[in-house]
N, C-alpha and C. Protein backbone atom coordinates (compact mmCIF):
# COMPACT_ATOMS: atom_id res chain seq x y z
N MET A 1 -116.66 33.53 -10.63
CA MET A 1 -115.13 33.57 -10.46
C MET A 1 -114.71 32.47 -11.40
N LYS A 2 -115.16 31.34 -11.52
CA LYS A 2 -114.65 30.05 -12.28
C LYS A 2 -114.57 30.66 -13.81
N SER A 3 -115.71 31.29 -14.26
CA SER A 3 -115.72 31.82 -15.57
C SER A 3 -114.66 32.78 -15.87
N LEU A 4 -114.37 33.63 -14.93
CA LEU A 4 -113.27 34.61 -15.00
C LEU A 4 -111.99 33.91 -15.22
N LEU A 5 -111.59 32.90 -14.40
CA LEU A 5 -110.52 32.19 -14.55
C LEU A 5 -110.33 31.38 -15.86
N LEU A 6 -111.47 30.87 -16.15
CA LEU A 6 -111.51 30.18 -17.60
C LEU A 6 -111.24 31.18 -18.60
N ALA A 7 -111.87 32.32 -18.63
CA ALA A 7 -111.57 33.36 -19.68
C ALA A 7 -110.28 33.78 -19.61
N GLY A 8 -109.53 33.83 -18.52
CA GLY A 8 -108.15 34.25 -18.42
C GLY A 8 -107.19 33.11 -19.03
N ALA A 9 -107.71 31.98 -18.68
CA ALA A 9 -106.84 30.82 -19.28
C ALA A 9 -106.97 30.80 -20.68
N VAL A 10 -108.05 31.01 -21.35
CA VAL A 10 -108.29 30.83 -22.77
C VAL A 10 -107.64 32.08 -23.43
N ALA A 11 -107.66 33.21 -22.91
CA ALA A 11 -107.04 34.30 -23.50
C ALA A 11 -105.46 34.13 -23.45
N LEU A 12 -104.87 33.55 -22.49
CA LEU A 12 -103.41 33.21 -22.44
C LEU A 12 -103.09 32.16 -23.29
N ALA A 13 -103.84 31.16 -23.64
CA ALA A 13 -103.49 30.07 -24.41
C ALA A 13 -102.86 30.32 -25.77
N PRO A 14 -103.37 31.31 -26.56
CA PRO A 14 -102.65 31.53 -27.69
C PRO A 14 -101.20 32.10 -27.63
N ILE A 15 -100.95 32.77 -26.53
CA ILE A 15 -99.64 33.26 -26.20
C ILE A 15 -98.72 32.17 -25.94
N ALA A 16 -98.99 31.25 -25.22
CA ALA A 16 -98.31 30.05 -24.92
C ALA A 16 -97.92 29.18 -26.07
N ALA A 17 -99.02 29.08 -26.97
CA ALA A 17 -98.80 28.24 -28.28
C ALA A 17 -97.87 28.86 -29.22
N VAL A 18 -97.68 30.17 -29.21
CA VAL A 18 -96.70 30.87 -30.07
C VAL A 18 -95.35 31.43 -29.40
N ALA A 19 -95.20 30.73 -28.33
CA ALA A 19 -94.00 31.05 -27.62
C ALA A 19 -92.80 30.77 -28.45
N ALA A 20 -91.88 31.86 -28.63
CA ALA A 20 -90.68 31.59 -29.48
C ALA A 20 -89.63 30.68 -28.75
N PRO A 21 -88.76 29.97 -29.61
CA PRO A 21 -87.69 29.31 -28.90
C PRO A 21 -86.87 30.12 -28.13
N GLU A 22 -86.21 29.42 -27.16
CA GLU A 22 -85.34 30.14 -26.25
C GLU A 22 -83.90 29.68 -26.49
N SER A 23 -83.00 30.62 -26.51
CA SER A 23 -81.52 30.35 -26.74
C SER A 23 -80.86 29.68 -25.46
N TYR A 24 -80.08 28.59 -25.74
CA TYR A 24 -79.34 27.89 -24.74
C TYR A 24 -77.92 27.76 -25.34
N VAL A 25 -76.91 27.85 -24.41
CA VAL A 25 -75.53 27.60 -24.98
C VAL A 25 -74.90 26.50 -24.04
N PHE A 26 -74.14 25.64 -24.91
CA PHE A 26 -73.38 24.56 -24.14
C PHE A 26 -72.53 24.95 -23.04
N ASP A 27 -72.80 24.21 -21.94
CA ASP A 27 -71.93 24.21 -20.65
C ASP A 27 -70.74 23.42 -21.02
N ALA A 28 -69.69 24.20 -21.52
CA ALA A 28 -68.48 23.46 -21.97
C ALA A 28 -67.87 22.32 -21.06
N SER A 29 -68.08 22.78 -19.62
CA SER A 29 -67.41 21.86 -18.70
C SER A 29 -68.08 20.39 -18.60
N HIS A 30 -69.42 20.47 -19.09
CA HIS A 30 -70.15 19.17 -19.11
C HIS A 30 -70.67 18.68 -20.33
N THR A 31 -70.03 18.82 -21.44
CA THR A 31 -70.27 18.49 -22.75
C THR A 31 -69.21 17.79 -23.43
N GLN A 32 -69.52 16.65 -23.65
CA GLN A 32 -68.53 15.56 -24.22
C GLN A 32 -68.88 14.74 -25.64
N ILE A 33 -68.03 14.44 -26.37
CA ILE A 33 -68.26 13.75 -27.45
C ILE A 33 -67.10 12.47 -27.29
N VAL A 34 -67.71 11.22 -27.15
CA VAL A 34 -66.88 10.07 -27.04
C VAL A 34 -67.02 9.23 -28.25
N PHE A 35 -66.04 8.77 -28.96
CA PHE A 35 -66.12 7.95 -30.06
C PHE A 35 -65.28 6.65 -29.70
N SER A 36 -65.76 5.59 -30.51
CA SER A 36 -65.13 4.30 -30.29
C SER A 36 -65.06 3.50 -31.60
N TYR A 37 -64.09 2.61 -31.83
CA TYR A 37 -63.96 1.82 -32.94
C TYR A 37 -63.28 0.64 -32.59
N ASN A 38 -63.43 -0.48 -33.56
CA ASN A 38 -62.87 -1.74 -33.25
C ASN A 38 -61.45 -1.79 -33.83
N HIS A 39 -60.50 -2.22 -33.04
CA HIS A 39 -59.07 -2.13 -33.43
C HIS A 39 -58.70 -3.62 -33.79
N LEU A 40 -58.86 -4.11 -35.12
CA LEU A 40 -58.31 -5.34 -35.62
C LEU A 40 -58.86 -6.45 -34.81
N GLY A 41 -60.11 -6.39 -34.12
CA GLY A 41 -60.76 -7.41 -33.44
C GLY A 41 -60.30 -7.52 -32.03
N PHE A 42 -59.05 -6.96 -31.60
CA PHE A 42 -58.39 -7.20 -30.39
C PHE A 42 -58.84 -6.26 -29.23
N SER A 43 -59.22 -5.05 -29.63
CA SER A 43 -59.67 -4.04 -28.67
C SER A 43 -60.73 -3.00 -29.16
N THR A 44 -61.09 -2.21 -28.33
CA THR A 44 -61.82 -1.13 -28.59
C THR A 44 -61.18 0.25 -28.31
N GLY A 45 -61.03 0.91 -29.41
CA GLY A 45 -60.11 2.24 -29.21
C GLY A 45 -61.20 3.28 -28.96
N TYR A 46 -60.81 4.26 -27.88
CA TYR A 46 -61.63 5.33 -27.63
C TYR A 46 -61.08 6.70 -27.77
N GLY A 47 -61.87 7.88 -28.09
CA GLY A 47 -61.26 9.14 -28.10
C GLY A 47 -62.40 10.05 -27.55
N MET A 48 -61.90 11.33 -27.37
CA MET A 48 -62.94 12.23 -26.80
C MET A 48 -62.78 13.70 -27.26
N PHE A 49 -63.84 14.46 -27.44
CA PHE A 49 -63.67 15.92 -27.50
C PHE A 49 -64.55 16.49 -26.48
N GLY A 50 -64.05 17.51 -25.73
CA GLY A 50 -64.75 18.12 -24.81
C GLY A 50 -64.29 19.52 -24.68
N GLY A 51 -65.26 20.34 -23.81
CA GLY A 51 -64.79 21.78 -23.62
C GLY A 51 -65.19 22.63 -24.89
N PHE A 52 -65.99 22.24 -25.76
CA PHE A 52 -66.35 23.09 -26.85
C PHE A 52 -67.67 23.76 -26.77
N GLU A 53 -67.89 24.82 -27.62
CA GLU A 53 -69.07 25.46 -27.50
C GLU A 53 -70.16 25.17 -28.62
N GLY A 54 -71.40 25.62 -28.27
CA GLY A 54 -72.54 25.33 -29.25
C GLY A 54 -73.73 26.00 -28.59
N GLU A 55 -74.80 25.92 -29.53
CA GLU A 55 -76.05 26.61 -29.24
C GLU A 55 -77.18 25.83 -29.61
N ILE A 56 -78.25 25.83 -28.83
CA ILE A 56 -79.54 25.19 -28.90
C ILE A 56 -80.51 26.32 -28.99
N GLU A 57 -81.49 26.36 -29.83
CA GLU A 57 -82.56 27.24 -29.96
C GLU A 57 -83.77 26.14 -29.57
N TYR A 58 -84.18 26.19 -28.41
CA TYR A 58 -85.08 25.13 -27.67
C TYR A 58 -86.44 25.69 -27.73
N ASP A 59 -87.27 24.93 -28.44
CA ASP A 59 -88.81 25.17 -28.41
C ASP A 59 -89.51 24.08 -27.58
N ALA A 60 -89.71 24.33 -26.25
CA ALA A 60 -90.49 23.42 -25.49
C ALA A 60 -91.81 23.02 -25.99
N GLU A 61 -92.51 24.10 -26.56
CA GLU A 61 -94.09 23.72 -27.15
C GLU A 61 -93.92 23.07 -28.38
N ASP A 62 -92.98 23.18 -29.14
CA ASP A 62 -92.85 22.47 -30.35
C ASP A 62 -91.30 22.04 -30.76
N PRO A 63 -90.87 20.95 -30.06
CA PRO A 63 -89.61 20.53 -30.13
C PRO A 63 -88.93 20.45 -31.67
N ALA A 64 -89.85 20.03 -32.55
CA ALA A 64 -89.33 19.74 -33.88
C ALA A 64 -89.00 21.15 -34.44
N ALA A 65 -89.35 22.30 -33.89
CA ALA A 65 -88.90 23.56 -34.42
C ALA A 65 -87.56 23.97 -33.72
N SER A 66 -86.97 23.24 -32.92
CA SER A 66 -85.74 23.54 -32.17
C SER A 66 -84.56 23.29 -33.30
N THR A 67 -83.38 23.86 -32.91
CA THR A 67 -82.26 23.80 -33.78
C THR A 67 -80.93 23.67 -32.78
N VAL A 68 -79.91 23.02 -33.37
CA VAL A 68 -78.54 23.06 -32.63
C VAL A 68 -77.45 23.25 -33.62
N THR A 69 -76.47 23.87 -33.10
CA THR A 69 -75.35 24.10 -33.86
C THR A 69 -74.09 24.00 -32.94
N THR A 70 -73.01 23.47 -33.41
CA THR A 70 -71.67 23.49 -32.77
C THR A 70 -70.53 23.44 -33.79
N SER A 71 -69.38 23.89 -33.22
CA SER A 71 -68.18 23.68 -34.10
C SER A 71 -66.97 23.74 -33.15
N PHE A 72 -65.92 22.90 -33.51
CA PHE A 72 -64.62 22.82 -32.76
C PHE A 72 -63.50 22.31 -33.48
N ASP A 73 -62.32 22.71 -32.93
CA ASP A 73 -61.14 22.20 -33.78
C ASP A 73 -60.88 20.69 -33.51
N VAL A 74 -60.50 19.96 -34.63
CA VAL A 74 -60.17 18.62 -34.44
C VAL A 74 -58.97 18.30 -33.57
N THR A 75 -58.06 19.32 -33.39
CA THR A 75 -57.00 19.13 -32.68
C THR A 75 -57.14 19.12 -31.20
N SER A 76 -58.36 19.41 -30.91
CA SER A 76 -58.83 19.23 -29.41
C SER A 76 -59.08 17.74 -28.89
N MET A 77 -58.88 16.88 -29.89
CA MET A 77 -59.22 15.47 -29.63
C MET A 77 -58.22 14.93 -28.40
N ILE A 78 -58.90 14.20 -27.70
CA ILE A 78 -58.21 13.35 -26.57
C ILE A 78 -58.08 12.06 -26.83
N THR A 79 -56.97 11.38 -26.92
CA THR A 79 -57.00 9.87 -27.24
C THR A 79 -56.41 9.17 -25.99
N GLY A 80 -55.91 9.80 -25.18
CA GLY A 80 -55.09 9.01 -24.03
C GLY A 80 -53.78 8.29 -24.31
N TRP A 81 -53.32 8.47 -25.46
CA TRP A 81 -51.72 8.16 -25.82
C TRP A 81 -51.37 9.10 -26.90
N GLN A 82 -50.28 9.89 -26.62
CA GLN A 82 -49.70 10.88 -27.60
C GLN A 82 -49.47 10.25 -28.91
N GLY A 83 -49.06 9.01 -28.88
CA GLY A 83 -48.65 8.47 -30.28
C GLY A 83 -49.79 8.28 -31.09
N ARG A 84 -50.97 7.82 -30.68
CA ARG A 84 -52.18 7.61 -31.38
C ARG A 84 -52.68 9.12 -31.72
N TYR A 85 -52.68 9.98 -30.92
CA TYR A 85 -52.87 11.45 -31.31
C TYR A 85 -52.18 11.95 -32.46
N ASP A 86 -50.90 11.76 -32.41
CA ASP A 86 -50.01 12.15 -33.47
C ASP A 86 -50.29 11.50 -34.78
N HIS A 87 -50.67 10.22 -34.72
CA HIS A 87 -51.11 9.39 -35.96
C HIS A 87 -52.32 9.95 -36.42
N PHE A 88 -53.42 10.19 -35.59
CA PHE A 88 -54.49 10.93 -36.11
C PHE A 88 -54.40 12.13 -36.71
N MET A 89 -53.47 12.89 -36.30
CA MET A 89 -53.29 14.18 -36.77
C MET A 89 -52.30 14.32 -37.99
N SER A 90 -51.80 13.02 -38.24
CA SER A 90 -50.80 13.02 -39.50
C SER A 90 -51.57 12.89 -40.88
N GLU A 91 -50.71 12.84 -41.95
CA GLU A 91 -51.27 12.73 -43.22
C GLU A 91 -52.26 11.40 -43.54
N ASP A 92 -51.98 10.62 -42.83
CA ASP A 92 -52.79 9.38 -42.70
C ASP A 92 -54.33 9.53 -42.43
N PHE A 93 -54.53 10.62 -41.64
CA PHE A 93 -55.97 10.86 -41.21
C PHE A 93 -56.09 12.46 -41.42
N PHE A 94 -56.32 13.24 -40.26
CA PHE A 94 -56.65 14.64 -40.55
C PHE A 94 -55.77 15.54 -41.05
N GLY A 95 -54.45 15.21 -41.15
CA GLY A 95 -53.50 16.08 -41.63
C GLY A 95 -53.60 16.17 -43.23
N ALA A 96 -54.32 15.35 -43.75
CA ALA A 96 -54.66 15.50 -45.08
C ALA A 96 -55.43 16.56 -45.68
N SER A 97 -56.10 17.17 -44.50
CA SER A 97 -56.97 18.31 -45.00
C SER A 97 -56.56 19.63 -44.35
N ASP A 98 -56.73 20.72 -44.89
CA ASP A 98 -56.36 22.12 -44.46
C ASP A 98 -57.45 22.50 -43.36
N ASP A 99 -58.62 21.81 -43.43
CA ASP A 99 -59.81 22.26 -42.74
C ASP A 99 -59.71 21.38 -41.32
N LYS A 100 -59.51 21.98 -40.37
CA LYS A 100 -59.38 21.45 -39.04
C LYS A 100 -60.74 21.48 -38.28
N THR A 101 -61.61 22.23 -38.67
CA THR A 101 -62.80 22.33 -38.04
C THR A 101 -63.91 21.27 -38.11
N VAL A 102 -64.43 20.73 -37.10
CA VAL A 102 -65.59 20.02 -37.15
C VAL A 102 -66.89 20.80 -36.72
N SER A 103 -67.71 20.62 -37.54
CA SER A 103 -69.07 21.34 -37.31
C SER A 103 -70.39 20.66 -37.48
N PHE A 104 -71.34 20.76 -36.71
CA PHE A 104 -72.63 20.19 -37.02
C PHE A 104 -73.82 21.34 -37.05
N THR A 105 -74.56 21.27 -37.97
CA THR A 105 -75.64 22.26 -37.93
C THR A 105 -77.14 21.42 -38.25
N SER A 106 -78.04 21.36 -37.29
CA SER A 106 -79.20 20.77 -37.63
C SER A 106 -80.02 21.20 -38.70
N LYS A 107 -80.79 20.42 -39.46
CA LYS A 107 -81.75 20.87 -40.50
C LYS A 107 -83.15 20.49 -40.08
N SER A 108 -83.47 19.48 -39.41
CA SER A 108 -84.70 19.04 -38.94
C SER A 108 -84.61 18.18 -37.79
N ILE A 109 -85.92 18.30 -37.01
CA ILE A 109 -85.81 17.29 -36.03
C ILE A 109 -87.27 16.56 -36.01
N GLU A 110 -87.17 15.20 -36.01
CA GLU A 110 -88.47 14.40 -35.92
C GLU A 110 -88.65 13.88 -34.50
N VAL A 111 -89.61 14.32 -33.91
CA VAL A 111 -90.02 13.98 -32.42
C VAL A 111 -90.59 12.64 -32.61
N THR A 112 -89.99 11.69 -31.86
CA THR A 112 -90.35 10.26 -31.77
C THR A 112 -90.91 9.78 -30.46
N GLY A 113 -91.00 10.62 -29.50
CA GLY A 113 -91.57 10.44 -28.20
C GLY A 113 -91.61 11.55 -27.17
N ASP A 114 -92.02 11.34 -26.09
CA ASP A 114 -92.10 12.43 -25.06
C ASP A 114 -90.78 13.18 -25.08
N ASP A 115 -89.69 12.44 -24.91
CA ASP A 115 -88.35 13.04 -24.83
C ASP A 115 -87.36 12.56 -25.73
N THR A 116 -87.71 12.22 -26.97
CA THR A 116 -86.93 11.55 -27.88
C THR A 116 -87.01 12.16 -29.29
N GLY A 117 -86.04 12.09 -30.06
CA GLY A 117 -86.11 12.65 -31.36
C GLY A 117 -85.00 12.22 -32.31
N LEU A 118 -85.12 12.36 -33.48
CA LEU A 118 -84.01 12.15 -34.49
C LEU A 118 -83.78 13.62 -35.05
N ILE A 119 -82.47 13.96 -34.90
CA ILE A 119 -82.07 15.16 -35.18
C ILE A 119 -81.01 15.05 -36.51
N THR A 120 -81.69 15.44 -37.60
CA THR A 120 -80.88 15.33 -38.82
C THR A 120 -80.16 16.62 -39.16
N GLY A 121 -78.92 16.65 -39.54
CA GLY A 121 -78.05 17.70 -39.81
C GLY A 121 -77.00 17.42 -40.64
N ASP A 122 -76.14 18.52 -40.98
CA ASP A 122 -74.98 18.45 -41.66
C ASP A 122 -73.68 18.24 -40.77
N LEU A 123 -72.85 17.31 -40.87
CA LEU A 123 -71.71 17.18 -40.10
C LEU A 123 -70.53 17.48 -41.13
N THR A 124 -69.67 18.48 -40.75
CA THR A 124 -68.55 18.69 -41.60
C THR A 124 -67.27 18.28 -40.78
N LEU A 125 -66.55 17.41 -41.40
CA LEU A 125 -65.46 16.66 -40.74
C LEU A 125 -64.38 16.45 -41.74
N ASN A 126 -63.23 16.77 -41.53
CA ASN A 126 -62.05 16.59 -42.51
C ASN A 126 -62.32 17.41 -43.80
N GLY A 127 -63.08 18.31 -43.79
CA GLY A 127 -63.34 19.08 -44.99
C GLY A 127 -64.45 18.54 -45.83
N VAL A 128 -65.18 17.50 -45.34
CA VAL A 128 -66.30 16.88 -46.07
C VAL A 128 -67.52 17.03 -45.26
N THR A 129 -68.62 17.47 -46.11
CA THR A 129 -69.93 17.54 -45.28
C THR A 129 -70.89 16.53 -45.78
N LYS A 130 -71.44 15.76 -44.64
CA LYS A 130 -72.47 14.70 -44.97
C LYS A 130 -73.64 15.05 -44.14
N GLU A 131 -74.62 14.52 -44.46
CA GLU A 131 -75.93 14.40 -43.61
C GLU A 131 -75.85 13.37 -42.76
N ILE A 132 -76.16 13.48 -41.55
CA ILE A 132 -76.21 12.36 -40.47
C ILE A 132 -77.34 12.52 -39.66
N VAL A 133 -77.70 11.55 -38.95
CA VAL A 133 -78.98 11.52 -38.06
C VAL A 133 -78.51 11.21 -36.49
N LEU A 134 -78.82 12.10 -35.60
CA LEU A 134 -78.49 11.74 -34.16
C LEU A 134 -79.74 11.30 -33.51
N ASP A 135 -79.46 10.16 -32.94
CA ASP A 135 -80.77 9.59 -32.08
C ASP A 135 -80.66 10.09 -30.59
N ALA A 136 -81.48 11.19 -30.41
CA ALA A 136 -81.36 12.06 -29.22
C ALA A 136 -82.54 11.85 -28.17
N VAL A 137 -82.06 12.05 -26.83
CA VAL A 137 -82.97 12.07 -25.85
C VAL A 137 -82.77 13.34 -24.89
N LEU A 138 -83.76 13.83 -24.54
CA LEU A 138 -83.80 14.92 -23.56
C LEU A 138 -83.83 14.30 -22.21
N THR A 139 -82.71 14.42 -21.61
CA THR A 139 -82.41 13.69 -20.29
C THR A 139 -83.15 14.50 -19.21
N GLN A 140 -82.98 15.83 -19.30
CA GLN A 140 -83.71 16.66 -18.30
C GLN A 140 -83.77 18.04 -18.76
N ALA A 141 -84.82 18.77 -18.38
CA ALA A 141 -85.00 20.21 -18.65
C ALA A 141 -85.59 20.83 -17.19
N GLY A 142 -84.93 21.58 -16.72
CA GLY A 142 -85.48 22.34 -15.45
C GLY A 142 -84.46 23.34 -14.91
N GLU A 143 -84.65 23.79 -13.81
CA GLU A 143 -83.78 24.73 -13.15
C GLU A 143 -82.35 24.00 -12.56
N HIS A 144 -81.22 24.58 -12.90
CA HIS A 144 -80.02 24.02 -12.38
C HIS A 144 -79.98 24.17 -10.89
N PRO A 145 -79.78 23.20 -10.09
CA PRO A 145 -79.89 23.46 -8.54
C PRO A 145 -78.65 24.39 -7.89
N MET A 146 -77.61 24.46 -8.73
CA MET A 146 -76.48 25.34 -8.15
C MET A 146 -76.54 26.66 -8.79
N GLU A 147 -76.82 26.62 -10.20
CA GLU A 147 -76.76 27.81 -11.04
C GLU A 147 -78.14 28.79 -10.68
N GLY A 148 -79.30 28.08 -10.44
CA GLY A 148 -80.52 28.71 -10.32
C GLY A 148 -81.03 29.29 -11.57
N LYS A 149 -80.79 28.74 -12.72
CA LYS A 149 -81.40 29.05 -14.00
C LYS A 149 -81.67 27.78 -14.93
N PRO A 150 -82.47 27.97 -15.91
CA PRO A 150 -82.99 27.10 -16.77
C PRO A 150 -81.73 26.28 -17.41
N TRP A 151 -81.87 24.88 -17.39
CA TRP A 151 -80.72 24.21 -17.92
C TRP A 151 -81.38 22.94 -18.69
N LEU A 152 -80.71 22.55 -19.80
CA LEU A 152 -81.15 21.34 -20.46
C LEU A 152 -80.00 20.26 -20.51
N GLY A 153 -80.45 18.96 -20.58
CA GLY A 153 -79.42 17.85 -20.71
C GLY A 153 -79.80 16.98 -21.95
N PHE A 154 -79.00 16.59 -22.74
CA PHE A 154 -79.22 15.69 -23.84
C PHE A 154 -78.26 14.76 -24.07
N HIS A 155 -78.69 13.52 -24.49
CA HIS A 155 -77.73 12.47 -24.92
C HIS A 155 -78.13 12.16 -26.26
N ALA A 156 -77.11 11.86 -27.10
CA ALA A 156 -77.22 11.45 -28.49
C ALA A 156 -76.27 10.39 -28.85
N THR A 157 -76.69 9.53 -29.90
CA THR A 157 -75.79 8.66 -30.51
C THR A 157 -75.99 8.57 -32.01
N THR A 158 -74.85 8.22 -32.78
CA THR A 158 -75.04 7.91 -34.15
C THR A 158 -73.77 7.08 -34.55
N THR A 159 -73.74 6.50 -35.74
CA THR A 159 -72.61 5.82 -36.11
C THR A 159 -72.18 6.55 -37.51
N LEU A 160 -70.83 6.83 -37.47
CA LEU A 160 -70.14 7.39 -38.71
C LEU A 160 -69.43 6.39 -39.41
N ILE A 161 -69.41 6.50 -40.65
CA ILE A 161 -68.46 5.80 -41.62
C ILE A 161 -67.27 6.63 -41.84
N ARG A 162 -66.28 6.45 -41.29
CA ARG A 162 -65.08 7.24 -41.32
C ARG A 162 -64.38 7.39 -42.84
N SER A 163 -64.56 6.42 -43.71
CA SER A 163 -64.11 6.45 -44.99
C SER A 163 -65.05 7.48 -45.79
N ASP A 164 -66.25 7.93 -45.43
CA ASP A 164 -67.14 8.81 -46.01
C ASP A 164 -66.38 10.32 -45.88
N TYR A 165 -65.42 10.39 -44.79
CA TYR A 165 -64.79 11.72 -44.63
C TYR A 165 -63.38 11.65 -45.00
N ASN A 166 -62.88 10.65 -45.89
CA ASN A 166 -61.49 10.54 -46.16
C ASN A 166 -60.57 10.14 -45.13
N LEU A 167 -61.11 9.39 -44.06
CA LEU A 167 -60.47 8.93 -43.10
C LEU A 167 -60.31 7.34 -42.96
N GLY A 168 -60.48 6.72 -43.97
CA GLY A 168 -60.62 5.31 -44.09
C GLY A 168 -59.29 4.44 -44.02
N MET A 169 -58.18 5.00 -43.61
CA MET A 169 -56.85 4.34 -43.51
C MET A 169 -57.10 2.96 -42.56
N PHE A 170 -56.60 1.96 -43.24
CA PHE A 170 -56.68 0.70 -42.53
C PHE A 170 -58.03 -0.07 -42.34
N ALA A 171 -59.05 0.57 -43.01
CA ALA A 171 -60.38 -0.22 -43.02
C ALA A 171 -60.25 -1.37 -44.10
N PRO A 172 -60.74 -2.43 -43.75
CA PRO A 172 -61.72 -2.80 -42.81
C PRO A 172 -61.18 -3.37 -41.53
N TYR A 173 -59.80 -3.58 -41.48
CA TYR A 173 -59.16 -4.05 -40.26
C TYR A 173 -59.37 -3.25 -38.95
N VAL A 174 -59.23 -1.90 -39.19
CA VAL A 174 -59.74 -1.05 -38.23
C VAL A 174 -61.15 -0.66 -38.60
N SER A 175 -62.08 -0.84 -37.82
CA SER A 175 -63.40 -0.60 -38.39
C SER A 175 -63.70 0.75 -39.04
N ASP A 176 -64.44 0.58 -40.02
CA ASP A 176 -64.63 1.85 -40.82
C ASP A 176 -65.92 2.54 -40.07
N GLU A 177 -66.65 1.76 -39.27
CA GLU A 177 -67.74 2.37 -38.47
C GLU A 177 -67.19 2.86 -37.09
N VAL A 178 -67.52 3.98 -36.87
CA VAL A 178 -67.16 4.67 -35.52
C VAL A 178 -68.46 5.07 -34.82
N GLU A 179 -68.56 4.43 -33.49
CA GLU A 179 -69.64 4.71 -32.63
C GLU A 179 -69.50 6.05 -32.10
N VAL A 180 -70.50 6.85 -31.93
CA VAL A 180 -70.42 8.22 -31.36
C VAL A 180 -71.55 8.41 -30.32
N GLU A 181 -71.06 8.90 -29.00
CA GLU A 181 -72.00 9.25 -27.87
C GLU A 181 -71.76 10.67 -27.67
N ILE A 182 -72.80 11.48 -27.48
CA ILE A 182 -72.65 12.90 -27.23
C ILE A 182 -73.47 12.99 -25.94
N SER A 183 -72.93 13.85 -25.07
CA SER A 183 -73.62 14.26 -23.88
C SER A 183 -73.55 15.88 -23.72
N VAL A 184 -74.67 16.36 -23.58
CA VAL A 184 -74.48 18.03 -23.67
C VAL A 184 -75.35 18.53 -22.41
N GLU A 185 -74.85 19.39 -21.74
CA GLU A 185 -75.66 20.26 -20.83
C GLU A 185 -75.62 21.59 -21.44
N ALA A 186 -76.76 22.17 -21.48
CA ALA A 186 -76.84 23.62 -21.89
C ALA A 186 -77.60 24.54 -21.02
N MET A 187 -77.10 25.80 -20.71
CA MET A 187 -77.74 26.70 -19.97
C MET A 187 -78.38 27.82 -20.74
N LYS A 188 -79.48 28.29 -20.16
CA LYS A 188 -80.27 29.54 -20.82
C LYS A 188 -79.40 30.69 -21.07
N ALA A 189 -79.20 31.13 -22.35
CA ALA A 189 -78.31 32.25 -22.74
C ALA A 189 -78.83 33.52 -22.00
N GLU A 190 -77.97 34.34 -21.65
CA GLU A 190 -78.34 35.56 -20.97
C GLU A 190 -78.42 36.80 -21.95
C-alpha cells in the first residue's frame, strides 16, 4: 500500500511542477495607492488612487513567473482638498499632457524571500514611461472567508522622482521624491 501511494505521489509531482499561472483580478473596493511628499519641510502631503482594475497572473509554484498589470485615469486622484486637486490637474502638473492614463506592466520578478519579491516593470505616468521596482510582500493567499474563493493580498512600496515624469514643479522645495504605498486584494478570475 505504501508503494502504491508513493507511486501515485511521484506520478502527480510533474503535473504540480508545471501548473500554469492562475488569473486574479483586483478587488477594486480593497485596492489603493497612497502617495506622500514633503511640502516645504512644514508638512507631508498625501493623495490616493482607489477603485481601479488590474490583473495578476499568479504562479504559486514559481512566483518569478507571475505578472501584474493595471491602468487607471489620473483624474481619479483623491487629495482631500479641491484646490490641491485642481492644481495637480492644471498645466503645472498633469494638464501639461494629453495622456491621462497611469499604467504599470511588470517585466520581471525577483523572489527575495518566502513571501517577498522585487517587481520590475514599466510605469507610464503623464505620458512618460520609466522602469521602476516595487518592493512587494505577499501578505496572504488563501480562501476569502466571506466570498468562499481563492484570494491574494499584496503590499508594495517604491519611491518615484516626479521630475522624471515632467511633474517637477516647485522641486526641491516640494520634494521631488514621492513615496508610494500600494495595497492590493485580488480574487481568482472566473
